[in-house]
C-alpha cells in the first residue's frame, strides 16, 4: 500500500489571529482573496459550492464543513463531482505568533482525483495553494489584516 503525502503550505502573516480567522470565515472577505462562495457558513455540517473565477464555470467544487474550532481550525471535504468520483479534505490550521499568525494548509487526498485528468494533478494543487497563500491571502492581509 502506497502512503500518500498531503499537500502542505505554511505561511506566517503580520496579521492578528482575529483578522486571519475573519479572512477565512467571512464570505465577504473570502470573496476578496479566494473565491465567491455565497452559501459559505462556518458551521459544522454546512455545505457550500463554488466555481473558479470568470464565466467559464468549468470546475465545480463541492465542500462540506467537517470541523470548526474558532481561531484554530477550519476543515472541510473537497470534491469535484462534475469531474471525479474522488474526495479530499482541506484543513486550515491557525497558530498565533505574537502579533503575527501562522496558517498551515493541509490538503489530504488529492490523489483521489486521478480519474479527472491532468488539471487535477497534485502539482496543480501545490501551485494553486502556494499562490493562494503566498499572493492572494498575503496581499489581502497586508491591506486588511491589522
N, C-alpha and C. Protein backbone atom coordinates (compact mmCIF):
# COMPACT_ATOMS: atom_id res chain seq x y z
N UNK A 1 0.85 -1.19 0.00
CA UNK A 1 0.00 0.00 0.00
C UNK A 1 0.89 1.25 0.00
N UNK A 2 0.62 2.16 -0.90
CA UNK A 2 1.39 3.38 -1.02
C UNK A 2 0.84 4.42 -0.04
N UNK A 3 1.74 5.00 0.74
CA UNK A 3 1.33 6.05 1.64
C UNK A 3 1.40 7.38 0.89
N UNK A 4 0.33 8.14 0.97
CA UNK A 4 0.29 9.42 0.27
C UNK A 4 0.68 10.54 1.22
N UNK A 5 1.25 11.56 0.65
CA UNK A 5 1.68 12.72 1.41
C UNK A 5 0.75 13.87 1.06
N UNK A 6 0.17 14.53 2.06
CA UNK A 6 -0.73 15.63 1.74
C UNK A 6 0.02 16.84 1.19
N UNK A 7 -0.69 17.67 0.48
CA UNK A 7 -0.16 18.97 0.07
C UNK A 7 -0.13 19.82 1.34
N UNK A 8 1.02 20.44 1.60
CA UNK A 8 1.19 21.24 2.81
C UNK A 8 1.79 22.58 2.43
N UNK A 9 1.13 23.65 2.84
CA UNK A 9 1.63 25.00 2.61
C UNK A 9 1.50 25.75 3.93
N UNK A 10 2.58 26.37 4.36
CA UNK A 10 2.55 27.11 5.62
C UNK A 10 3.14 28.50 5.41
N UNK A 11 2.43 29.50 5.90
CA UNK A 11 2.89 30.88 5.80
C UNK A 11 2.57 31.61 7.10
N UNK A 12 3.42 32.55 7.44
CA UNK A 12 3.19 33.41 8.60
C UNK A 12 2.92 34.82 8.10
N UNK A 13 1.86 35.42 8.64
CA UNK A 13 1.42 36.75 8.22
C UNK A 13 1.54 37.73 9.38
N UNK A 14 1.86 38.95 9.06
CA UNK A 14 1.89 40.03 10.06
C UNK A 14 0.46 40.52 10.24
N UNK A 15 -0.37 39.66 10.76
CA UNK A 15 -1.78 39.96 10.96
C UNK A 15 -2.25 39.24 12.22
N UNK A 16 -3.24 39.81 12.86
CA UNK A 16 -3.76 39.22 14.10
C UNK A 16 -4.50 37.91 13.80
N UNK A 17 -4.61 37.10 14.82
CA UNK A 17 -5.37 35.85 14.72
C UNK A 17 -6.81 36.15 14.32
N UNK A 18 -7.39 37.20 14.92
CA UNK A 18 -8.77 37.57 14.58
C UNK A 18 -8.90 37.94 13.10
N UNK A 19 -7.95 38.71 12.59
CA UNK A 19 -8.01 39.14 11.19
C UNK A 19 -7.88 37.95 10.24
N UNK A 20 -6.99 37.02 10.56
CA UNK A 20 -6.83 35.85 9.69
C UNK A 20 -8.08 34.97 9.76
N UNK A 21 -8.59 34.74 10.94
CA UNK A 21 -9.81 33.92 11.07
C UNK A 21 -10.96 34.56 10.28
N UNK A 22 -11.12 35.87 10.41
CA UNK A 22 -12.17 36.55 9.65
C UNK A 22 -11.97 36.39 8.15
N UNK A 23 -10.73 36.47 7.69
CA UNK A 23 -10.45 36.31 6.26
C UNK A 23 -10.86 34.92 5.77
N UNK A 24 -10.75 33.93 6.64
CA UNK A 24 -11.08 32.55 6.27
C UNK A 24 -12.56 32.21 6.42
N UNK A 25 -13.30 33.00 7.20
CA UNK A 25 -14.66 32.58 7.54
C UNK A 25 -15.76 33.60 7.21
N UNK A 26 -15.41 34.81 6.83
CA UNK A 26 -16.40 35.82 6.46
C UNK A 26 -16.53 35.81 4.94
N UNK A 27 -17.69 35.42 4.43
CA UNK A 27 -17.83 35.22 2.98
C UNK A 27 -17.58 36.48 2.17
N UNK A 28 -17.80 37.65 2.75
CA UNK A 28 -17.49 38.90 2.04
C UNK A 28 -15.97 39.03 1.89
N UNK A 29 -15.24 38.71 2.93
CA UNK A 29 -13.78 38.78 2.88
C UNK A 29 -13.20 37.65 2.02
N UNK A 30 -13.79 36.47 2.12
CA UNK A 30 -13.34 35.34 1.31
C UNK A 30 -13.39 35.71 -0.18
N UNK A 31 -14.45 36.38 -0.57
CA UNK A 31 -14.61 36.78 -1.98
C UNK A 31 -13.48 37.68 -2.45
N UNK A 32 -12.92 38.49 -1.55
CA UNK A 32 -11.87 39.44 -1.92
C UNK A 32 -10.53 38.77 -2.22
N UNK A 33 -10.26 37.60 -1.64
CA UNK A 33 -8.94 36.99 -1.84
C UNK A 33 -8.98 35.55 -2.34
N UNK A 34 -10.14 34.91 -2.31
CA UNK A 34 -10.21 33.47 -2.61
C UNK A 34 -11.19 33.25 -3.75
N UNK A 35 -12.40 32.90 -3.43
CA UNK A 35 -13.45 32.67 -4.42
C UNK A 35 -14.75 33.26 -3.89
N UNK A 36 -15.68 33.49 -4.79
CA UNK A 36 -17.02 33.90 -4.35
C UNK A 36 -17.76 32.63 -3.93
N UNK A 37 -18.15 32.60 -2.65
CA UNK A 37 -18.85 31.43 -2.11
C UNK A 37 -20.08 31.94 -1.35
N UNK A 38 -21.17 32.23 -2.08
CA UNK A 38 -22.33 32.86 -1.46
C UNK A 38 -22.99 32.04 -0.35
N UNK A 39 -22.89 30.72 -0.42
CA UNK A 39 -23.56 29.90 0.60
C UNK A 39 -22.61 29.41 1.69
N UNK A 40 -21.44 30.06 1.83
CA UNK A 40 -20.48 29.66 2.85
C UNK A 40 -20.96 30.06 4.24
N UNK A 41 -20.92 29.10 5.15
CA UNK A 41 -21.25 29.34 6.54
C UNK A 41 -20.30 28.47 7.38
N UNK A 42 -19.50 29.09 8.25
CA UNK A 42 -18.51 28.32 9.01
C UNK A 42 -19.15 27.56 10.18
N UNK A 43 -19.96 26.57 9.80
CA UNK A 43 -20.69 25.79 10.80
C UNK A 43 -20.58 24.31 10.41
N UNK A 44 -20.24 23.48 11.37
CA UNK A 44 -20.09 22.05 11.10
C UNK A 44 -21.35 21.50 10.43
N UNK A 45 -21.14 20.76 9.34
CA UNK A 45 -22.24 20.18 8.60
C UNK A 45 -22.73 21.02 7.44
N UNK A 46 -22.39 22.31 7.43
CA UNK A 46 -22.82 23.19 6.34
C UNK A 46 -22.10 22.80 5.05
N UNK A 47 -22.81 22.89 3.94
CA UNK A 47 -22.23 22.58 2.64
C UNK A 47 -22.18 23.84 1.79
N UNK A 48 -21.19 23.90 0.91
CA UNK A 48 -21.07 25.05 0.03
C UNK A 48 -20.45 24.60 -1.29
N UNK A 49 -20.70 25.42 -2.31
CA UNK A 49 -20.16 25.16 -3.65
C UNK A 49 -19.61 26.45 -4.22
N UNK A 50 -18.64 26.29 -5.11
CA UNK A 50 -18.11 27.44 -5.82
C UNK A 50 -17.45 26.97 -7.11
N UNK A 51 -17.22 27.93 -7.99
CA UNK A 51 -16.53 27.71 -9.26
C UNK A 51 -15.30 28.60 -9.31
N UNK A 52 -14.41 28.29 -10.23
CA UNK A 52 -13.25 29.15 -10.46
C UNK A 52 -13.74 30.52 -10.92
N UNK A 53 -12.90 31.56 -10.76
CA UNK A 53 -13.32 32.89 -11.22
C UNK A 53 -13.57 32.92 -12.73
N UNK A 54 -14.38 33.86 -13.15
CA UNK A 54 -14.71 34.00 -14.56
C UNK A 54 -16.04 33.37 -14.90
N UNK A 55 -16.38 33.44 -16.16
CA UNK A 55 -17.69 32.96 -16.60
C UNK A 55 -17.71 31.51 -17.07
N UNK A 56 -16.55 30.89 -17.20
CA UNK A 56 -16.49 29.53 -17.76
C UNK A 56 -17.21 28.51 -16.89
N UNK A 57 -17.05 28.61 -15.59
CA UNK A 57 -17.69 27.68 -14.64
C UNK A 57 -17.48 26.23 -15.05
N UNK A 58 -16.21 25.88 -15.30
CA UNK A 58 -15.88 24.51 -15.69
C UNK A 58 -15.67 23.59 -14.50
N UNK A 59 -15.18 24.16 -13.39
CA UNK A 59 -14.78 23.32 -12.27
C UNK A 59 -15.61 23.62 -11.03
N UNK A 60 -16.61 22.79 -10.83
CA UNK A 60 -17.46 22.93 -9.65
C UNK A 60 -16.75 22.29 -8.47
N UNK A 61 -16.71 23.00 -7.37
CA UNK A 61 -16.16 22.50 -6.12
C UNK A 61 -17.34 22.30 -5.16
N UNK A 62 -17.42 21.15 -4.56
CA UNK A 62 -18.45 20.89 -3.55
C UNK A 62 -17.75 20.55 -2.25
N UNK A 63 -18.12 21.25 -1.19
CA UNK A 63 -17.45 21.08 0.09
C UNK A 63 -18.47 20.97 1.22
N UNK A 64 -18.03 20.31 2.29
CA UNK A 64 -18.85 20.19 3.50
C UNK A 64 -17.95 20.44 4.70
N UNK A 65 -18.39 21.34 5.57
CA UNK A 65 -17.61 21.67 6.77
C UNK A 65 -17.61 20.45 7.70
N UNK A 66 -16.41 20.00 8.03
CA UNK A 66 -16.25 18.84 8.90
C UNK A 66 -15.93 19.25 10.34
N UNK A 67 -15.24 20.37 10.51
CA UNK A 67 -14.81 20.77 11.85
C UNK A 67 -14.53 22.27 11.87
N UNK A 68 -14.99 22.92 12.91
CA UNK A 68 -14.72 24.34 13.11
C UNK A 68 -14.33 24.53 14.57
N UNK A 69 -13.13 25.04 14.77
CA UNK A 69 -12.68 25.45 16.09
C UNK A 69 -12.25 26.90 15.92
N UNK A 70 -13.10 27.84 16.33
CA UNK A 70 -12.83 29.25 16.05
C UNK A 70 -11.40 29.67 16.40
N UNK A 71 -10.81 30.37 15.43
CA UNK A 71 -9.46 30.91 15.53
C UNK A 71 -8.38 29.83 15.68
N UNK A 72 -8.74 28.59 15.32
CA UNK A 72 -7.80 27.49 15.42
C UNK A 72 -7.83 26.56 14.21
N UNK A 73 -9.03 26.14 13.78
CA UNK A 73 -9.13 25.13 12.72
C UNK A 73 -10.42 25.30 11.93
N UNK A 74 -10.27 25.21 10.60
CA UNK A 74 -11.40 25.11 9.69
C UNK A 74 -11.08 23.93 8.77
N UNK A 75 -11.95 22.93 8.76
CA UNK A 75 -11.69 21.70 8.00
C UNK A 75 -12.93 21.34 7.20
N UNK A 76 -12.74 21.04 5.90
CA UNK A 76 -13.89 20.68 5.07
C UNK A 76 -13.50 19.66 4.00
N UNK A 77 -14.50 18.89 3.59
CA UNK A 77 -14.31 17.99 2.46
C UNK A 77 -14.24 18.84 1.20
N UNK A 78 -13.63 18.25 0.16
CA UNK A 78 -13.43 18.97 -1.10
C UNK A 78 -13.62 17.96 -2.22
N UNK A 79 -14.54 18.22 -3.11
CA UNK A 79 -14.80 17.30 -4.22
C UNK A 79 -15.08 18.09 -5.49
N UNK A 80 -14.92 17.41 -6.61
CA UNK A 80 -15.23 17.95 -7.93
C UNK A 80 -16.21 16.99 -8.60
N UNK A 81 -17.47 17.00 -8.17
CA UNK A 81 -18.42 15.99 -8.62
C UNK A 81 -18.67 15.94 -10.12
N UNK A 82 -18.40 17.01 -10.84
CA UNK A 82 -18.58 17.01 -12.30
C UNK A 82 -17.42 16.33 -13.02
N UNK A 83 -16.31 16.10 -12.32
CA UNK A 83 -15.11 15.58 -12.96
C UNK A 83 -14.54 14.31 -12.34
N UNK A 84 -14.90 14.04 -11.08
CA UNK A 84 -14.24 12.94 -10.39
C UNK A 84 -15.17 12.30 -9.37
N UNK A 85 -14.94 11.03 -9.13
CA UNK A 85 -15.63 10.31 -8.07
C UNK A 85 -14.95 10.54 -6.72
N UNK A 86 -13.74 11.10 -6.75
CA UNK A 86 -12.91 11.24 -5.55
C UNK A 86 -13.34 12.38 -4.63
N UNK A 87 -12.78 12.32 -3.43
CA UNK A 87 -13.00 13.35 -2.42
C UNK A 87 -11.70 13.55 -1.65
N UNK A 88 -11.54 14.72 -1.07
CA UNK A 88 -10.35 15.04 -0.30
C UNK A 88 -10.77 15.90 0.89
N UNK A 89 -9.78 16.29 1.70
CA UNK A 89 -10.06 17.12 2.87
C UNK A 89 -9.05 18.26 2.94
N UNK A 90 -9.56 19.47 3.13
CA UNK A 90 -8.74 20.66 3.29
C UNK A 90 -8.85 21.12 4.74
N UNK A 91 -7.69 21.36 5.36
CA UNK A 91 -7.66 21.85 6.74
C UNK A 91 -6.83 23.13 6.80
N UNK A 92 -7.37 24.12 7.45
CA UNK A 92 -6.69 25.39 7.70
C UNK A 92 -6.40 25.44 9.20
N UNK A 93 -5.14 25.36 9.58
CA UNK A 93 -4.73 25.44 10.98
C UNK A 93 -4.16 26.83 11.23
N UNK A 94 -4.61 27.49 12.29
CA UNK A 94 -4.11 28.82 12.64
C UNK A 94 -3.35 28.74 13.95
N UNK A 95 -2.18 29.40 13.98
CA UNK A 95 -1.34 29.41 15.18
C UNK A 95 -0.86 30.83 15.44
N UNK A 96 -1.21 31.40 16.61
CA UNK A 96 -0.75 32.75 16.93
C UNK A 96 0.76 32.75 17.16
N UNK A 97 1.41 33.80 16.69
CA UNK A 97 2.85 34.01 16.86
C UNK A 97 3.08 35.45 17.29
N UNK A 98 2.72 35.77 18.54
CA UNK A 98 2.79 37.16 18.99
C UNK A 98 1.77 37.97 18.23
N UNK A 99 2.21 39.02 17.52
CA UNK A 99 1.29 39.84 16.74
C UNK A 99 1.08 39.28 15.33
N UNK A 100 1.72 38.17 15.02
CA UNK A 100 1.58 37.51 13.72
C UNK A 100 0.75 36.23 13.86
N UNK A 101 0.41 35.65 12.73
CA UNK A 101 -0.36 34.40 12.71
C UNK A 101 0.20 33.48 11.62
N UNK A 102 0.42 32.23 11.99
CA UNK A 102 0.85 31.23 11.02
C UNK A 102 -0.37 30.45 10.57
N UNK A 103 -0.46 30.25 9.26
CA UNK A 103 -1.52 29.43 8.66
C UNK A 103 -0.85 28.21 8.04
N UNK A 104 -1.31 27.05 8.42
CA UNK A 104 -0.84 25.80 7.81
C UNK A 104 -2.03 25.17 7.10
N UNK A 105 -1.94 25.12 5.78
CA UNK A 105 -2.97 24.49 4.98
C UNK A 105 -2.52 23.07 4.66
N UNK A 106 -3.38 22.10 4.93
CA UNK A 106 -3.11 20.71 4.61
C UNK A 106 -4.25 20.22 3.72
N UNK A 107 -3.89 19.73 2.53
CA UNK A 107 -4.90 19.18 1.61
C UNK A 107 -4.59 17.70 1.44
N UNK A 108 -5.40 16.86 2.06
CA UNK A 108 -5.21 15.41 2.04
C UNK A 108 -6.11 14.78 0.99
N UNK A 109 -5.57 13.83 0.26
CA UNK A 109 -6.38 13.05 -0.66
C UNK A 109 -6.46 13.56 -2.08
N UNK A 110 -5.56 14.46 -2.49
CA UNK A 110 -5.64 14.96 -3.87
C UNK A 110 -5.42 13.84 -4.88
N UNK A 111 -4.75 12.78 -4.47
CA UNK A 111 -4.56 11.64 -5.37
C UNK A 111 -5.88 10.96 -5.71
N UNK A 112 -6.92 11.23 -4.94
CA UNK A 112 -8.24 10.66 -5.20
C UNK A 112 -8.91 11.23 -6.45
N UNK A 113 -8.29 12.27 -7.04
CA UNK A 113 -8.83 12.88 -8.26
C UNK A 113 -8.10 12.40 -9.51
N UNK A 114 -7.37 11.32 -9.40
CA UNK A 114 -6.59 10.82 -10.54
C UNK A 114 -7.49 10.46 -11.74
N UNK A 115 -8.76 10.18 -11.49
CA UNK A 115 -9.69 9.87 -12.58
C UNK A 115 -10.12 11.11 -13.36
N UNK A 116 -9.70 12.30 -12.92
CA UNK A 116 -10.17 13.54 -13.53
C UNK A 116 -9.18 14.15 -14.51
N UNK A 117 -8.00 13.57 -14.64
CA UNK A 117 -7.04 14.08 -15.62
C UNK A 117 -6.03 15.05 -15.05
N UNK A 118 -5.22 15.60 -15.96
CA UNK A 118 -4.08 16.42 -15.58
C UNK A 118 -4.44 17.72 -14.85
N UNK A 119 -5.60 18.27 -15.09
CA UNK A 119 -5.99 19.51 -14.41
C UNK A 119 -6.22 19.31 -12.92
N UNK A 120 -6.26 18.05 -12.48
CA UNK A 120 -6.48 17.75 -11.07
C UNK A 120 -5.27 17.03 -10.47
N UNK A 121 -4.12 17.17 -11.10
CA UNK A 121 -2.89 16.54 -10.63
C UNK A 121 -2.37 17.25 -9.38
N UNK A 122 -1.62 16.54 -8.58
CA UNK A 122 -1.05 17.07 -7.35
C UNK A 122 -0.29 18.38 -7.59
N UNK A 123 0.49 18.45 -8.64
CA UNK A 123 1.27 19.65 -8.93
C UNK A 123 0.37 20.88 -9.10
N UNK A 124 -0.81 20.69 -9.66
CA UNK A 124 -1.75 21.80 -9.84
C UNK A 124 -2.24 22.32 -8.48
N UNK A 125 -2.53 21.38 -7.56
CA UNK A 125 -2.97 21.78 -6.22
C UNK A 125 -1.83 22.48 -5.48
N UNK A 126 -0.62 21.95 -5.59
CA UNK A 126 0.53 22.57 -4.92
C UNK A 126 0.72 24.00 -5.42
N UNK A 127 0.69 24.19 -6.71
CA UNK A 127 0.86 25.51 -7.29
C UNK A 127 -0.29 26.44 -6.87
N UNK A 128 -1.50 25.93 -6.96
CA UNK A 128 -2.66 26.74 -6.60
C UNK A 128 -2.65 27.19 -5.15
N UNK A 129 -2.42 26.25 -4.23
CA UNK A 129 -2.42 26.61 -2.81
C UNK A 129 -1.25 27.54 -2.49
N UNK A 130 -0.10 27.33 -3.08
CA UNK A 130 1.03 28.23 -2.84
C UNK A 130 0.71 29.64 -3.32
N UNK A 131 0.09 29.75 -4.48
CA UNK A 131 -0.29 31.07 -4.99
C UNK A 131 -1.34 31.71 -4.10
N UNK A 132 -2.32 30.95 -3.69
CA UNK A 132 -3.39 31.50 -2.85
C UNK A 132 -2.84 32.00 -1.52
N UNK A 133 -1.99 31.22 -0.86
CA UNK A 133 -1.47 31.64 0.43
C UNK A 133 -0.36 32.67 0.32
N UNK A 134 0.50 32.54 -0.67
CA UNK A 134 1.65 33.45 -0.79
C UNK A 134 1.31 34.78 -1.46
N UNK A 135 0.31 34.79 -2.29
CA UNK A 135 -0.04 36.03 -3.00
C UNK A 135 -1.41 36.54 -2.57
N UNK A 136 -2.47 35.81 -2.86
CA UNK A 136 -3.83 36.30 -2.63
C UNK A 136 -4.11 36.62 -1.17
N UNK A 137 -3.94 35.63 -0.29
CA UNK A 137 -4.21 35.85 1.13
C UNK A 137 -3.21 36.84 1.72
N UNK A 138 -1.94 36.72 1.34
CA UNK A 138 -0.92 37.63 1.85
C UNK A 138 -1.26 39.09 1.52
N UNK A 139 -1.62 39.34 0.26
CA UNK A 139 -1.98 40.70 -0.15
C UNK A 139 -3.21 41.19 0.61
N UNK A 140 -4.21 40.35 0.70
CA UNK A 140 -5.44 40.73 1.42
C UNK A 140 -5.11 41.12 2.87
N UNK A 141 -4.32 40.29 3.54
CA UNK A 141 -3.99 40.56 4.95
C UNK A 141 -3.09 41.79 5.10
N UNK A 142 -2.23 42.03 4.14
CA UNK A 142 -1.42 43.26 4.18
C UNK A 142 -2.30 44.50 4.15
N UNK A 143 -3.36 44.43 3.36
CA UNK A 143 -4.26 45.57 3.21
C UNK A 143 -5.31 45.65 4.32
N UNK A 144 -5.70 44.50 4.88
CA UNK A 144 -6.86 44.45 5.79
C UNK A 144 -6.61 43.75 7.12
N UNK A 145 -5.41 43.30 7.39
CA UNK A 145 -5.21 42.38 8.49
C UNK A 145 -4.72 42.92 9.81
N UNK A 146 -4.78 44.15 10.03
CA UNK A 146 -4.26 44.68 11.31
C UNK A 146 -5.24 44.55 12.43
